[in-house]
C-alpha atoms as a PDB file:
ATOM      1  CA  MET A   1       0.257  -0.053   0.167  1.00  0.00           C
ATOM      2  CA  PHE A   2       1.114   3.622  -1.057  1.00  0.00           C
ATOM      3  CA  PHE A   3       0.606   6.066   1.637  1.00  0.00           C
ATOM      4  CA  GLU A   4       0.581  10.119   0.234  1.00  0.00           C
ATOM      5  CA  SER A   5       0.457  13.324   2.593  1.00  0.00           C
ATOM      6  CA  THR A   6       2.052  16.210   2.655  1.00  0.00           C
ATOM      7  CA  ALA A   7       4.373  18.560   4.593  1.00  0.00           C
ATOM      8  CA  LYS A   8       5.615  21.971   4.923  1.00  0.00           C
ATOM      9  CA  THR A   9       8.905  23.226   5.989  1.00  0.00           C
ATOM     10  CA  GLY A  10       9.254  25.931   9.290  1.00  0.00           C
ATOM     11  CA  LEU A  11      11.714  28.378  10.395  1.00  0.00           C
ATOM     12  CA  LYS A  12      13.227  25.984  12.442  1.00  0.00           C
ATOM     13  CA  ASP A  13      13.243  23.726   9.974  1.00  0.00           C
ATOM     14  CA  ILE A  14      15.718  25.333   7.793  1.00  0.00           C
ATOM     15  CA  GLY A  15      19.725  26.157   8.004  1.00  0.00           C
ATOM     16  CA  LYS A  16      21.864  27.568   5.366  1.00  0.00           C
ATOM     17  CA  ASN A  17      20.378  29.572   2.336  1.00  0.00           C
ATOM     18  CA  ASN A  18      16.878  28.663   3.193  1.00  0.00           C
ATOM     19  CA  LEU A  19      17.514  25.133   2.683  1.00  0.00           C
ATOM     20  CA  ILE A  20      16.003  21.977   4.307  1.00  0.00           C
ATOM     21  CA  LYS A  21      18.294  20.390   7.324  1.00  0.00           C
ATOM     22  CA  ASN A  22      18.749  16.904   7.311  1.00  0.00           C
ATOM     23  CA  GLU A  23      17.218  16.068  10.770  1.00  0.00           C
ATOM     24  CA  THR A  24      13.886  18.169   9.241  1.00  0.00           C
ATOM     25  CA  ILE A  25      14.136  15.444   6.954  1.00  0.00           C
ATOM     26  CA  LEU A  26      14.263  12.259   9.184  1.00  0.00           C
ATOM     27  CA  GLU A  27      11.368  14.406  11.114  1.00  0.00           C
ATOM     28  CA  ILE A  28       9.191  14.543   7.890  1.00  0.00           C
ATOM     29  CA  LEU A  29       9.663  11.459   6.785  1.00  0.00           C
ATOM     30  CA  GLU A  30       9.020   9.715  10.377  1.00  0.00           C
ATOM     31  CA  ASN A  31       5.607  11.725  10.378  1.00  0.00           C
ATOM     32  CA  MET A  32       4.727   9.827   7.669  1.00  0.00           C
ATOM     33  CA  GLY A  33       5.564   6.695   8.225  1.00  0.00           C
ATOM     34  CA  GLY A  34       3.519   7.555  11.554  1.00  0.00           C
ATOM     35  CA  GLU A  35       0.809   8.489   9.878  1.00  0.00           C
ATOM     36  CA  HIS A  36       0.574   5.626   7.900  1.00  0.00           C
ATOM     37  CA  SER A  37       0.788   3.144  10.797  1.00  0.00           C
ATOM     38  CA  ASN A  38      -1.947   4.870  12.725  1.00  0.00           C
ATOM     39  CA  LYS A  39      -3.874   4.366   9.120  1.00  0.00           C
ATOM     40  CA  VAL A  40      -3.538   0.552   9.456  1.00  0.00           C
ATOM     41  CA  GLY A  41      -3.898   0.376  13.266  1.00  0.00           C
ATOM     42  CA  TYR A  42      -0.275  -0.007  14.426  1.00  0.00           C
ATOM     43  CA  GLY A  43       0.713   3.551  14.866  1.00  0.00           C
ATOM     44  CA  ALA A  44       1.162   5.783  18.210  1.00  0.00           C
ATOM     45  CA  LEU A  45      -2.763   6.076  18.523  1.00  0.00           C
ATOM     46  CA  ASP A  46      -2.749   2.782  19.119  1.00  0.00           C
ATOM     47  CA  ILE A  47      -0.282   1.578  21.244  1.00  0.00           C
ATOM     48  CA  ASP A  48      -2.864   1.569  24.244  1.00  0.00           C
ATOM     49  CA  LYS A  49      -4.635  -0.844  22.460  1.00  0.00           C
ATOM     50  CA  THR A  50      -1.801  -2.943  20.759  1.00  0.00           C
ATOM     51  CA  GLY A  51       0.978  -2.531  23.492  1.00  0.00           C
ATOM     52  CA  LEU A  52       3.690  -2.477  20.575  1.00  0.00           C
ATOM     53  CA  SER A  53       5.519   0.190  19.148  1.00  0.00           C
ATOM     54  CA  TRP A  54       7.685   0.644  15.576  1.00  0.00           C
ATOM     55  CA  ILE A  55      11.214   1.129  16.765  1.00  0.00           C
ATOM     56  CA  LEU A  56      13.502   2.489  14.153  1.00  0.00           C
ATOM     57  CA  LEU A  57      16.821   0.174  12.910  1.00  0.00           C
ATOM     58  CA  ASP A  58      18.367   1.834  10.249  1.00  0.00           C
ATOM     59  CA  TRP A  59      18.044   4.898   7.800  1.00  0.00           C
ATOM     60  CA  LYS A  60      19.993   5.444   4.536  1.00  0.00           C
ATOM     61  CA  VAL A  61      18.975   8.897   2.818  1.00  0.00           C
ATOM     62  CA  GLN A  62      20.143  10.729  -0.490  1.00  0.00           C
ATOM     63  CA  VAL A  63      18.772  14.221  -1.304  1.00  0.00           C
ATOM     64  CA  ILE A  64      18.855  14.573  -4.935  1.00  0.00           C
ATOM     65  CA  LYS A  65      17.555  18.366  -4.595  1.00  0.00           C
ATOM     66  CA  ARG A  66      17.171  20.444  -1.485  1.00  0.00           C
ATOM     67  CA  PRO A  67      14.008  21.764  -0.604  1.00  0.00           C
ATOM     68  CA  ILE A  68      13.764  25.371   0.466  1.00  0.00           C
ATOM     69  CA  TYR A  69      11.795  27.177   3.533  1.00  0.00           C
ATOM     70  CA  SER A  70       8.373  27.161   3.048  1.00  0.00           C
ATOM     71  CA  GLU A  71       8.195  24.999   0.221  1.00  0.00           C
ATOM     72  CA  GLU A  72       5.319  22.283   0.213  1.00  0.00           C
ATOM     73  CA  LEU A  73       6.250  18.672  -0.172  1.00  0.00           C
ATOM     74  CA  LYS A  74       4.372  15.332  -1.328  1.00  0.00           C
ATOM     75  CA  ILE A  75       5.696  12.440   0.226  1.00  0.00           C
ATOM     76  CA  LYS A  76       5.199   9.017  -0.705  1.00  0.00           C
ATOM     77  CA  THR A  77       6.006   5.954   1.487  1.00  0.00           C
ATOM     78  CA  TRP A  78       5.382   2.461   1.842  1.00  0.00           C
ATOM     79  CA  GLY A  79       6.124  -0.920   3.280  1.00  0.00           C
ATOM     80  CA  ARG A  80       8.558  -3.750   1.678  1.00  0.00           C
ATOM     81  CA  CYS A  81      10.670  -6.989   2.506  1.00  0.00           C
ATOM     82  CA  PHE A  82       8.950  -7.915   5.504  1.00  0.00           C
ATOM     83  CA  GLN A  83      11.241 -10.325   7.139  1.00  0.00           C
ATOM     84  CA  LYS A  84      10.507 -12.464  10.659  1.00  0.00           C
ATOM     85  CA  ALA A  85      11.374  -9.581  12.761  1.00  0.00           C
ATOM     86  CA  SER A  86      12.023  -6.567  10.669  1.00  0.00           C
ATOM     87  CA  THR A  87      10.871  -4.785   7.927  1.00  0.00           C
ATOM     88  CA  TYR A  88      11.412  -1.725   5.372  1.00  0.00           C
ATOM     89  CA  ARG A  89       9.791   1.414   4.633  1.00  0.00           C
ATOM     90  CA  ASP A  90      10.876   3.469   1.508  1.00  0.00           C
ATOM     91  CA  PHE A  91      10.179   7.140   1.071  1.00  0.00           C
ATOM     92  CA  GLU A  92      10.122   9.479  -1.980  1.00  0.00           C
ATOM     93  CA  VAL A  93       9.669  13.406  -1.179  1.00  0.00           C
ATOM     94  CA  TYR A  94       8.449  15.528  -4.521  1.00  0.00           C
ATOM     95  CA  ASP A  95       9.147  19.030  -4.656  1.00  0.00           C
ATOM     96  CA  SER A  96       6.539  22.202  -4.956  1.00  0.00           C
ATOM     97  CA  LYS A  97       7.217  21.157  -9.133  1.00  0.00           C
ATOM     98  CA  GLY A  98       6.719  17.945  -8.589  1.00  0.00           C
ATOM     99  CA  ASN A  99      10.671  17.020  -8.924  1.00  0.00           C
ATOM    100  CA  LEU A 100      11.762  13.817  -6.937  1.00  0.00           C
ATOM    101  CA  ALA A 101      13.876  15.836  -4.001  1.00  0.00           C
ATOM    102  CA  ILE A 102      14.652  12.905  -1.594  1.00  0.00           C
ATOM    103  CA  ILE A 103      14.954   9.522  -1.580  1.00  0.00           C
ATOM    104  CA  ALA A 104      15.121   6.976   1.637  1.00  0.00           C
ATOM    105  CA  THR A 105      14.875   4.121   2.797  1.00  0.00           C
ATOM    106  CA  SER A 106      14.454   2.910   6.678  1.00  0.00           C
ATOM    107  CA  LYS A 107      14.586  -0.274   8.825  1.00  0.00           C
ATOM    108  CA  TRP A 108      12.286  -1.076  11.477  1.00  0.00           C
ATOM    109  CA  ALA A 109      11.413  -3.357  13.984  1.00  0.00           C
ATOM    110  CA  MET A 110       7.956  -3.765  16.810  1.00  0.00           C
ATOM    111  CA  MET A 111       8.685  -3.891  19.930  1.00  0.00           C
ATOM    112  CA  ASP A 112       6.485  -5.197  22.924  1.00  0.00           C
ATOM    113  CA  LEU A 113       6.946  -2.304  25.435  1.00  0.00           C
ATOM    114  CA  GLU A 114       5.869  -4.293  28.658  1.00  0.00           C
ATOM    115  CA  LYS A 115       8.841  -6.957  27.822  1.00  0.00           C
ATOM    116  CA  ARG A 116      11.107  -4.513  26.298  1.00  0.00           C
ATOM    117  CA  SER A 117      11.783  -7.212  23.568  1.00  0.00           C
ATOM    118  CA  ILE A 118      11.560  -7.236  19.793  1.00  0.00           C
ATOM    119  CA  ILE A 119       8.328  -9.801  18.374  1.00  0.00           C
ATOM    120  CA  ARG A 120       7.794 -11.791  15.039  1.00  0.00           C
ATOM    121  CA  LEU A 121       6.103  -9.690  12.563  1.00  0.00           C
ATOM    122  CA  ASN A 122       3.108 -12.268  11.790  1.00  0.00           C
ATOM    123  CA  ASP A 123       0.613 -12.320   8.497  1.00  0.00           C
ATOM    124  CA  GLU A 124      -1.649 -10.195  10.212  1.00  0.00           C
ATOM    125  CA  ILE A 125       0.834  -7.241  10.409  1.00  0.00           C
ATOM    126  CA  LYS A 126       1.910  -7.478   7.151  1.00  0.00           C
ATOM    127  CA  ASN A 127      -0.991  -8.052   5.463  1.00  0.00           C
ATOM    128  CA  VAL A 128      -2.690  -4.340   6.725  1.00  0.00           C
ATOM    129  CA  TYR A 129       0.348  -3.103   5.518  1.00  0.00           C
ATOM    130  CA  GLU A 130       0.092  -4.695   1.570  1.00  0.00           C
ATOM    131  CA  PRO A 131       3.719  -4.336   1.068  1.00  0.00           C
ATOM    132  CA  GLU A 132       5.089  -3.564  -2.260  1.00  0.00           C
ATOM    133  CA  GLU A 133       8.010  -4.547  -4.179  1.00  0.00           C
ATOM    134  CA  VAL A 134       9.443  -1.189  -5.274  1.00  0.00           C
ATOM    135  CA  ARG A 135      12.458  -0.061  -3.765  1.00  0.00           C
ATOM    136  CA  VAL A 136      14.210   3.267  -4.261  1.00  0.00           C
ATOM    137  CA  PHE A 137      17.756   2.041  -3.748  1.00  0.00           C
ATOM    138  CA  GLU A 138      19.512  -0.640  -5.631  1.00  0.00           C
ATOM    139  CA  GLU A 139      20.017  -3.070  -2.854  1.00  0.00           C
ATOM    140  CA  GLU A 140      17.019  -4.482  -1.400  1.00  0.00           C
ATOM    141  CA  ILE A 141      18.230  -4.696   2.410  1.00  0.00           C
ATOM    142  CA  LEU A 142      20.947  -2.187   4.270  1.00  0.00           C
ATOM    143  CA  GLU A 143      24.243  -3.568   4.618  1.00  0.00           C
ATOM    144  CA  LYS A 144      26.220  -2.872   8.022  1.00  0.00           C
ATOM    145  CA  LEU A 145      28.045   0.150   8.162  1.00  0.00           C
ATOM    146  CA  PHE A 146      31.792  -0.762   9.643  1.00  0.00           C
ATOM    147  CA  ILE A 147      33.146   0.973  13.130  1.00  0.00           C
ATOM    148  CA  PRO A 148      36.563   2.905  12.379  1.00  0.00           C
ATOM    149  CA  GLU A 149      39.583   1.830  14.353  1.00  0.00           C
ATOM    150  CA  SER A 150      40.515   5.483  15.296  1.00  0.00           C
ATOM    151  CA  PHE A 151      39.009   8.626  15.746  1.00  0.00           C
ATOM    152  CA  VAL A 152      40.193  12.478  15.469  1.00  0.00           C
ATOM    153  CA  ASN A 153      37.404  13.976  18.133  1.00  0.00           C
ATOM    154  CA  GLU A 154      34.948  12.819  20.631  1.00  0.00           C
ATOM    155  CA  PHE A 155      33.014  14.538  23.658  1.00  0.00           C
ATOM    156  CA  SER A 156      30.812  12.950  26.328  1.00  0.00           C
ATOM    157  CA  TYR A 157      27.110  13.807  26.305  1.00  0.00           C
ATOM    158  CA  THR A 158      24.750  12.544  29.366  1.00  0.00           C
ATOM    159  CA  VAL A 159      20.998  12.073  28.194  1.00  0.00           C
ATOM    160  CA  GLY A 160      18.176  14.268  29.686  1.00  0.00           C
ATOM    161  CA  ARG A 161      14.581  14.285  29.594  1.00  0.00           C
ATOM    162  CA  LYS A 162      14.021  16.759  26.489  1.00  0.00           C
ATOM    163  CA  ASP A 163      15.848  13.833  24.346  1.00  0.00           C
ATOM    164  CA  ILE A 164      13.366  10.858  25.425  1.00  0.00           C
ATOM    165  CA  ASP A 165      10.312   9.731  22.912  1.00  0.00           C
ATOM    166  CA  LEU A 166       7.397   7.658  23.740  1.00  0.00           C
ATOM    167  CA  ASN A 167       9.235   4.358  23.675  1.00  0.00           C
ATOM    168  CA  ASN A 168      10.983   5.721  26.951  1.00  0.00           C
ATOM    169  CA  HIS A 169      14.255   6.039  24.702  1.00  0.00           C
ATOM    170  CA  MET A 170      16.897   8.568  23.123  1.00  0.00           C
ATOM    171  CA  HIS A 171      14.740   9.761  19.801  1.00  0.00           C
ATOM    172  CA  ASN A 172      16.389   8.866  16.848  1.00  0.00           C
ATOM    173  CA  VAL A 173      16.792  12.173  15.251  1.00  0.00           C
ATOM    174  CA  TYR A 174      18.840  13.740  18.141  1.00  0.00           C
ATOM    175  CA  TYR A 175      21.473  10.859  17.296  1.00  0.00           C
ATOM    176  CA  MET A 176      22.152  13.094  14.080  1.00  0.00           C
ATOM    177  CA  ASN A 177      22.240  16.392  16.217  1.00  0.00           C
ATOM    178  CA  LEU A 178      24.888  14.365  18.629  1.00  0.00           C
ATOM    179  CA  ALA A 179      26.878  13.860  15.713  1.00  0.00           C
ATOM    180  CA  TYR A 180      27.059  17.424  14.606  1.00  0.00           C
ATOM    181  CA  GLU A 181      28.422  18.285  17.869  1.00  0.00           C
ATOM    182  CA  ALA A 182      31.261  15.877  17.254  1.00  0.00           C
ATOM    183  CA  PHE A 183      31.847  17.604  13.756  1.00  0.00           C
ATOM    184  CA  PRO A 184      35.220  19.898  13.314  1.00  0.00           C
ATOM    185  CA  GLU A 185      34.687  23.299  12.524  1.00  0.00           C
ATOM    186  CA  ASP A 186      34.974  23.020   8.814  1.00  0.00           C
ATOM    187  CA  VAL A 187      33.235  19.936   8.605  1.00  0.00           C
ATOM    188  CA  TYR A 188      30.423  21.605  10.228  1.00  0.00           C
ATOM    189  CA  GLN A 189      30.649  24.275   8.344  1.00  0.00           C
ATOM    190  CA  ASN A 190      30.594  22.562   5.006  1.00  0.00           C
ATOM    191  CA  MET A 191      26.877  20.913   6.037  1.00  0.00           C
ATOM    192  CA  PRO A 192      24.391  19.607   4.517  1.00  0.00           C
ATOM    193  CA  TYR A 193      25.780  16.613   3.565  1.00  0.00           C
ATOM    194  CA  ASP A 194      23.469  15.144   0.580  1.00  0.00           C
ATOM    195  CA  ASN A 195      24.120  11.423   1.515  1.00  0.00           C
ATOM    196  CA  PHE A 196      23.546  10.047   5.376  1.00  0.00           C
ATOM    197  CA  ARG A 197      23.109   6.614   6.980  1.00  0.00           C
ATOM    198  CA  ILE A 198      22.287   5.833  10.841  1.00  0.00           C
ATOM    199  CA  THR A 199      22.348   2.471  12.268  1.00  0.00           C
ATOM    200  CA  TYR A 200      20.749   2.187  15.648  1.00  0.00           C
ATOM    201  CA  LYS A 201      22.437  -0.777  17.439  1.00  0.00           C
ATOM    202  CA  LYS A 202      21.490  -0.405  21.107  1.00  0.00           C
ATOM    203  CA  GLU A 203      18.890   2.145  22.467  1.00  0.00           C
ATOM    204  CA  ILE A 204      20.177   5.139  24.756  1.00  0.00           C
ATOM    205  CA  ALA A 205      18.315   5.404  27.797  1.00  0.00           C
ATOM    206  CA  LEU A 206      17.792   8.456  30.005  1.00  0.00           C
ATOM    207  CA  GLY A 207      20.676   9.342  32.398  1.00  0.00           C
ATOM    208  CA  ASP A 208      23.044   7.303  29.823  1.00  0.00           C
ATOM    209  CA  THR A 209      26.580   8.904  29.238  1.00  0.00           C
ATOM    210  CA  VAL A 210      27.692   8.179  25.695  1.00  0.00           C
ATOM    211  CA  VAL A 211      30.959   9.125  24.054  1.00  0.00           C
ATOM    212  CA  VAL A 212      30.530  10.573  20.875  1.00  0.00           C
ATOM    213  CA  LYS A 213      33.880  10.226  18.314  1.00  0.00           C
ATOM    214  CA  TYR A 214      34.674  11.395  14.709  1.00  0.00           C
ATOM    215  CA  THR A 215      36.684  10.679  11.978  1.00  0.00           C
ATOM    216  CA  ASN A 216      36.754  11.049   8.176  1.00  0.00           C
ATOM    217  CA  ILE A 217      37.888   8.038   6.196  1.00  0.00           C
ATOM    218  CA  ASP A 218      38.125   8.911   1.939  1.00  0.00           C
ATOM    219  CA  GLY A 219      35.894  11.627   2.123  1.00  0.00           C
ATOM    220  CA  LYS A 220      32.994  10.236   4.243  1.00  0.00           C
ATOM    221  CA  HIS A 221      32.559  11.494   7.737  1.00  0.00           C
ATOM    222  CA  TYR A 222      31.976   8.719  10.255  1.00  0.00           C
ATOM    223  CA  VAL A 223      30.376   9.390  13.835  1.00  0.00           C
ATOM    224  CA  VAL A 224      30.509   6.419  16.381  1.00  0.00           C
ATOM    225  CA  ILE A 225      28.249   6.772  19.628  1.00  0.00           C
ATOM    226  CA  GLU A 226      29.254   4.415  22.645  1.00  0.00           C
ATOM    227  CA  ASN A 227      28.202   4.130  25.968  1.00  0.00           C
ATOM    228  CA  LYS A 228      32.021   2.778  27.578  1.00  0.00           C
ATOM    229  CA  GLU A 229      30.164   1.898  30.842  1.00  0.00           C
ATOM    230  CA  LYS A 230      28.041  -0.658  29.299  1.00  0.00           C
ATOM    231  CA  ASN A 231      30.933  -1.573  26.785  1.00  0.00           C
ATOM    232  CA  ILE A 232      28.318  -1.187  23.596  1.00  0.00           C
ATOM    233  CA  VAL A 233      28.181   0.948  20.841  1.00  0.00           C
ATOM    234  CA  ASN A 234      24.586   2.678  20.466  1.00  0.00           C
ATOM    235  CA  ALA A 235      24.905   4.035  16.675  1.00  0.00           C
ATOM    236  CA  ILE A 236      26.848   4.509  13.875  1.00  0.00           C
ATOM    237  CA  ILE A 237      26.276   7.518  11.204  1.00  0.00           C
ATOM    238  CA  GLU A 238      28.252   8.116   7.992  1.00  0.00           C
ATOM    239  CA  CYS A 239      27.755  11.611   6.124  1.00  0.00           C
ATOM    240  CA  TYR A 240      29.306  12.478   2.756  1.00  0.00           C
END
């Protein structure tokens, strides 16, 4: 099932030259996926009934033509490639003139919020989404991002209440914001980057202190977020 809706950017959503920011793109895409899930009975409005919530595992985004401030966008999204414990959702974003501006794919799992565990995606869940076979990138599934061995910049951050979402962990968009804080000044000033990946490996909870580490390899910018106390990697971000 293809789901379509619209979005319009505000002042907080733009950066240099009135162009939409990458974190805004993620917010728009997530909201469209949420609207689709609300329509079929597995959205945020249904959590009290189902006890289930979608959690994000991965993003891959490519900006073809970056939208500008106050531009009305049309977003098209659909589910695809349902597996035992995860599924993919793809997106196409069109500008006000009908040009394809952004493509993205994302990987999701469904969590039982009481047990805090991933559930199996049964036929009932799959069928209400009516998955499509169309995909925006050539590869059907996302390959794992590698973790660099050394870094040139890092800082620590303790997660506060403002960072926590409805699933009681740090909201996915804030991982991108942390990555920006680790960028050296020249890298930061050259934003936005039109290609980016975020792989979420372990959730970050309220009060966790994470170390955010940056490096550059062959023209690509990598950030790794990890909890040294728990000895886990929370996320890997790649931008170029």
